[in-house]
C-alpha atoms as a PDB file:
ATOM      1  CA  UNK A   1       0.047  -0.056  -0.067  1.00  0.00           C
ATOM      2  CA  UNK A   2       1.092   3.468  -0.821  1.00  0.00           C
ATOM      3  CA  UNK A   3      -0.025   5.040   2.453  1.00  0.00           C
ATOM      4  CA  UNK A   4       1.779   2.686   4.727  1.00  0.00           C
ATOM      5  CA  UNK A   5       5.363   3.852   4.094  1.00  0.00           C
ATOM      6  CA  UNK A   6       7.351   5.143   7.019  1.00  0.00           C
ATOM      7  CA  UNK A   7       8.153   8.826   6.248  1.00  0.00           C
ATOM      8  CA  UNK A   8       9.521   9.831   9.662  1.00  0.00           C
ATOM      9  CA  UNK A   9      11.841   7.176  10.899  1.00  0.00           C
ATOM     10  CA  UNK A  10      12.590   9.093  14.213  1.00  0.00           C
ATOM     11  CA  UNK A  11       9.004   9.358  15.144  1.00  0.00           C
ATOM     12  CA  UNK A  12       8.428   5.633  14.080  1.00  0.00           C
ATOM     13  CA  UNK A  13      11.269   4.450  16.312  1.00  0.00           C
ATOM     14  CA  UNK A  14      10.089   6.576  19.257  1.00  0.00           C
ATOM     15  CA  UNK A  15       6.570   5.083  18.911  1.00  0.00           C
ATOM     16  CA  UNK A  16       7.839   1.643  18.718  1.00  0.00           C
ATOM     17  CA  UNK A  17       9.862   2.179  21.840  1.00  0.00           C
ATOM     18  CA  UNK A  18       6.907   3.507  23.668  1.00  0.00           C
ATOM     19  CA  UNK A  19       4.852   0.446  22.497  1.00  0.00           C
ATOM     20  CA  UNK A  20       7.566  -2.026  23.586  1.00  0.00           C
ATOM     21  CA  UNK A  21       7.859  -0.531  27.132  1.00  0.00           C
ATOM     22  CA  UNK A  22       4.105  -0.530  27.465  1.00  0.00           C
ATOM     23  CA  UNK A  23       3.767  -4.222  26.500  1.00  0.00           C
ATOM     24  CA  UNK A  24       6.629  -5.016  28.897  1.00  0.00           C
ATOM     25  CA  UNK A  25       5.240  -3.211  31.913  1.00  0.00           C
ATOM     26  CA  UNK A  26       1.670  -4.587  31.080  1.00  0.00           C
ATOM     27  CA  UNK A  27       2.946  -8.075  31.089  1.00  0.00           C
ATOM     28  CA  UNK A  28       4.979  -7.388  34.266  1.00  0.00           C
ATOM     29  CA  UNK A  29       1.805  -6.041  36.075  1.00  0.00           C
ATOM     30  CA  UNK A  30      -0.130  -9.111  35.178  1.00  0.00           C
ATOM     31  CA  UNK A  31       1.381 -10.800  38.272  1.00  0.00           C
ATOM     32  CA  UNK A  32      -0.554  -8.427  40.579  1.00  0.00           C
ATOM     33  CA  UNK A  33      -4.265  -8.421  41.047  1.00  0.00           C
ATOM     34  CA  UNK A  34      -5.908  -5.434  39.217  1.00  0.00           C
ATOM     35  CA  UNK A  35      -8.982  -5.078  41.479  1.00  0.00           C
ATOM     36  CA  UNK A  36     -11.653  -2.461  40.273  1.00  0.00           C
ATOM     37  CA  UNK A  37     -11.689   1.203  39.823  1.00  0.00           C
ATOM     38  CA  UNK A  38     -13.380   1.471  43.179  1.00  0.00           C
ATOM     39  CA  UNK A  39     -10.899  -0.845  44.956  1.00  0.00           C
ATOM     40  CA  UNK A  40      -7.744  -0.722  42.981  1.00  0.00           C
ATOM     41  CA  UNK A  41      -5.291  -3.538  43.510  1.00  0.00           C
ATOM     42  CA  UNK A  42      -1.414  -3.113  42.988  1.00  0.00           C
ATOM     43  CA  UNK A  43      -1.603  -4.023  39.381  1.00  0.00           C
ATOM     44  CA  UNK A  44      -4.447  -1.556  38.402  1.00  0.00           C
ATOM     45  CA  UNK A  45      -2.180   1.647  37.933  1.00  0.00           C
ATOM     46  CA  UNK A  46       0.630   0.027  36.170  1.00  0.00           C
ATOM     47  CA  UNK A  47      -1.680  -1.570  33.681  1.00  0.00           C
ATOM     48  CA  UNK A  48      -3.632   1.704  33.232  1.00  0.00           C
ATOM     49  CA  UNK A  49      -0.213   3.588  32.451  1.00  0.00           C
ATOM     50  CA  UNK A  50       0.807   0.717  30.081  1.00  0.00           C
ATOM     51  CA  UNK A  51      -2.357   1.165  28.115  1.00  0.00           C
ATOM     52  CA  UNK A  52      -2.043   4.834  28.017  1.00  0.00           C
ATOM     53  CA  UNK A  53       1.612   4.577  26.971  1.00  0.00           C
ATOM     54  CA  UNK A  54       0.677   2.018  24.204  1.00  0.00           C
ATOM     55  CA  UNK A  55      -1.989   4.299  22.920  1.00  0.00           C
ATOM     56  CA  UNK A  56       0.525   7.241  22.568  1.00  0.00           C
ATOM     57  CA  UNK A  57       3.072   4.787  20.944  1.00  0.00           C
ATOM     58  CA  UNK A  58       0.328   3.876  18.326  1.00  0.00           C
ATOM     59  CA  UNK A  59      -0.548   7.477  17.689  1.00  0.00           C
ATOM     60  CA  UNK A  60       3.127   8.367  17.218  1.00  0.00           C
ATOM     61  CA  UNK A  61       3.690   5.301  14.862  1.00  0.00           C
ATOM     62  CA  UNK A  62       0.563   6.133  12.697  1.00  0.00           C
ATOM     63  CA  UNK A  63       1.580   9.815  12.547  1.00  0.00           C
ATOM     64  CA  UNK A  64       5.035   8.839  11.253  1.00  0.00           C
ATOM     65  CA  UNK A  65       3.333   6.844   8.422  1.00  0.00           C
ATOM     66  CA  UNK A  66       1.015   9.633   7.146  1.00  0.00           C
ATOM     67  CA  UNK A  67       1.762  10.982   3.690  1.00  0.00           C
ATOM     68  CA  UNK A  68       1.941  14.441   5.046  1.00  0.00           C
ATOM     69  CA  UNK A  69       4.555  13.496   7.689  1.00  0.00           C
ATOM     70  CA  UNK A  70       7.700  15.197   7.539  1.00  0.00           C
ATOM     71  CA  UNK A  71      10.688  13.010   6.077  1.00  0.00           C
ATOM     72  CA  UNK A  72      13.212  12.363   8.867  1.00  0.00           C
ATOM     73  CA  UNK A  73      15.929   9.715   9.045  1.00  0.00           C
ATOM     74  CA  UNK A  74      17.261   8.300  12.200  1.00  0.00           C
ATOM     75  CA  UNK A  75      20.431   9.886  13.523  1.00  0.00           C
ATOM     76  CA  UNK A  76      23.453   8.038  14.764  1.00  0.00           C
ATOM     77  CA  UNK A  77      23.407   7.416  18.378  1.00  0.00           C
ATOM     78  CA  UNK A  78      25.380   9.592  20.665  1.00  0.00           C
ATOM     79  CA  UNK A  79      27.097   6.954  22.720  1.00  0.00           C
ATOM     80  CA  UNK A  80      29.382   9.523  24.418  1.00  0.00           C
ATOM     81  CA  UNK A  81      26.422  11.595  25.524  1.00  0.00           C
ATOM     82  CA  UNK A  82      24.671   8.397  26.737  1.00  0.00           C
ATOM     83  CA  UNK A  83      27.676   7.393  28.807  1.00  0.00           C
ATOM     84  CA  UNK A  84      27.738  10.775  30.508  1.00  0.00           C
ATOM     85  CA  UNK A  85      24.094  10.632  31.504  1.00  0.00           C
ATOM     86  CA  UNK A  86      24.319   6.952  32.566  1.00  0.00           C
ATOM     87  CA  UNK A  87      27.301   7.604  34.407  1.00  0.00           C
ATOM     88  CA  UNK A  88      25.863  10.624  36.297  1.00  0.00           C
ATOM     89  CA  UNK A  89      22.902   8.467  37.407  1.00  0.00           C
ATOM     90  CA  UNK A  90      25.231   5.755  38.657  1.00  0.00           C
ATOM     91  CA  UNK A  91      27.208   8.280  40.508  1.00  0.00           C
ATOM     92  CA  UNK A  92      24.140   9.693  42.079  1.00  0.00           C
ATOM     93  CA  UNK A  93      23.047   6.464  43.375  1.00  0.00           C
ATOM     94  CA  UNK A  94      26.655   5.764  44.797  1.00  0.00           C
ATOM     95  CA  UNK A  95      26.995   9.230  46.369  1.00  0.00           C
ATOM     96  CA  UNK A  96      23.389   9.887  47.749  1.00  0.00           C
ATOM     97  CA  UNK A  97      24.180   8.726  51.346  1.00  0.00           C
ATOM     98  CA  UNK A  98      27.837   9.650  51.648  1.00  0.00           C
ATOM     99  CA  UNK A  99      27.276  13.212  50.167  1.00  0.00           C
ATOM    100  CA  UNK A 100      23.650  13.761  50.846  1.00  0.00           C
ATOM    101  CA  UNK A 101      21.106  14.829  48.420  1.00  0.00           C
ATOM    102  CA  UNK A 102      22.613  18.302  47.655  1.00  0.00           C
ATOM    103  CA  UNK A 103      26.082  16.849  46.912  1.00  0.00           C
ATOM    104  CA  UNK A 104      24.888  13.943  44.865  1.00  0.00           C
ATOM    105  CA  UNK A 105      22.585  16.208  42.863  1.00  0.00           C
ATOM    106  CA  UNK A 106      25.390  18.639  42.260  1.00  0.00           C
ATOM    107  CA  UNK A 107      27.461  15.761  40.895  1.00  0.00           C
ATOM    108  CA  UNK A 108      24.657  14.359  38.810  1.00  0.00           C
ATOM    109  CA  UNK A 109      23.800  17.762  37.225  1.00  0.00           C
ATOM    110  CA  UNK A 110      27.475  18.689  36.649  1.00  0.00           C
ATOM    111  CA  UNK A 111      28.444  15.239  35.083  1.00  0.00           C
ATOM    112  CA  UNK A 112      25.227  14.899  32.942  1.00  0.00           C
ATOM    113  CA  UNK A 113      25.600  18.394  31.608  1.00  0.00           C
ATOM    114  CA  UNK A 114      28.762  17.329  29.879  1.00  0.00           C
ATOM    115  CA  UNK A 115      26.584  15.277  27.651  1.00  0.00           C
ATOM    116  CA  UNK A 116      25.529  18.351  25.909  1.00  0.00           C
ATOM    117  CA  UNK A 117      27.388  20.037  23.013  1.00  0.00           C
ATOM    118  CA  UNK A 118      26.159  23.213  24.389  1.00  0.00           C
ATOM    119  CA  UNK A 119      27.859  22.681  27.740  1.00  0.00           C
ATOM    120  CA  UNK A 120      29.093  25.641  29.780  1.00  0.00           C
ATOM    121  CA  UNK A 121      30.294  25.836  33.384  1.00  0.00           C
ATOM    122  CA  UNK A 122      28.012  28.803  34.217  1.00  0.00           C
ATOM    123  CA  UNK A 123      24.946  27.140  32.602  1.00  0.00           C
ATOM    124  CA  UNK A 124      25.684  23.937  34.502  1.00  0.00           C
ATOM    125  CA  UNK A 125      25.969  25.743  37.816  1.00  0.00           C
ATOM    126  CA  UNK A 126      22.903  27.668  37.243  1.00  0.00           C
ATOM    127  CA  UNK A 127      21.010  24.491  36.444  1.00  0.00           C
ATOM    128  CA  UNK A 128      22.545  22.948  39.624  1.00  0.00           C
ATOM    129  CA  UNK A 129      21.291  25.664  41.826  1.00  0.00           C
ATOM    130  CA  UNK A 130      17.821  25.752  40.587  1.00  0.00           C
ATOM    131  CA  UNK A 131      17.357  21.991  40.391  1.00  0.00           C
ATOM    132  CA  UNK A 132      18.724  21.367  43.916  1.00  0.00           C
ATOM    133  CA  UNK A 133      16.548  24.126  45.257  1.00  0.00           C
ATOM    134  CA  UNK A 134      13.454  22.563  43.480  1.00  0.00           C
ATOM    135  CA  UNK A 135      14.356  19.047  44.571  1.00  0.00           C
ATOM    136  CA  UNK A 136      14.793  19.974  48.168  1.00  0.00           C
ATOM    137  CA  UNK A 137      11.612  22.033  48.127  1.00  0.00           C
ATOM    138  CA  UNK A 138       9.540  19.075  46.652  1.00  0.00           C
ATOM    139  CA  UNK A 139      11.034  15.984  47.950  1.00  0.00           C
ATOM    140  CA  UNK A 140      12.465  16.959  51.436  1.00  0.00           C
ATOM    141  CA  UNK A 141      10.191  19.676  52.586  1.00  0.00           C
ATOM    142  CA  UNK A 142       7.054  19.207  50.438  1.00  0.00           C
ATOM    143  CA  UNK A 143       6.920  15.281  50.519  1.00  0.00           C
ATOM    144  CA  UNK A 144       8.894  14.859  53.609  1.00  0.00           C
ATOM    145  CA  UNK A 145      11.015  12.114  52.321  1.00  0.00           C
ATOM    146  CA  UNK A 146      13.578  10.915  54.792  1.00  0.00           C
ATOM    147  CA  UNK A 147      16.765  11.650  52.485  1.00  0.00           C
ATOM    148  CA  UNK A 148      20.053  12.790  53.923  1.00  0.00           C
ATOM    149  CA  UNK A 149      20.326  16.459  52.758  1.00  0.00           C
ATOM    150  CA  UNK A 150      23.867  17.203  53.670  1.00  0.00           C
ATOM    151  CA  UNK A 151      27.014  14.960  53.731  1.00  0.00           C
ATOM    152  CA  UNK A 152      27.140  12.563  56.706  1.00  0.00           C
ATOM    153  CA  UNK A 153      30.405  13.348  58.464  1.00  0.00           C
ATOM    154  CA  UNK A 154      30.048  10.862  61.212  1.00  0.00           C
ATOM    155  CA  UNK A 155      30.028   7.803  59.079  1.00  0.00           C
END
């Protein structure tokens, strides 16, 4: 068929990834009882989110195949940027308890900022200040999560 050619390969790949994650999480949630809308079980919300994610994925896939879709090819993967971001998350997990939330977030933001080709020290420091303040306000003071805020000096 003429109308079923993939015109926007980037959108098609994104939609396929959304759909794959939706299927994975839906199948993983099958091990939990769903319950009903009135009495939700532990599997209800993950299944609902998986259905919504699958719907979004299908919409993106179909929009990538429309004749009016913009032609875009997949770009090469930026493995260096992927390594910076993944490494920063691993560092955050390793440093959360020794450095506290402020220190671990600072390291996360500074290291992950290196993934961008538009990296500047002033931009990374400004991002760090704003994001640390927001995370403290939301997670520590707003939600009351029991996270170490500052480095633990007695450990």
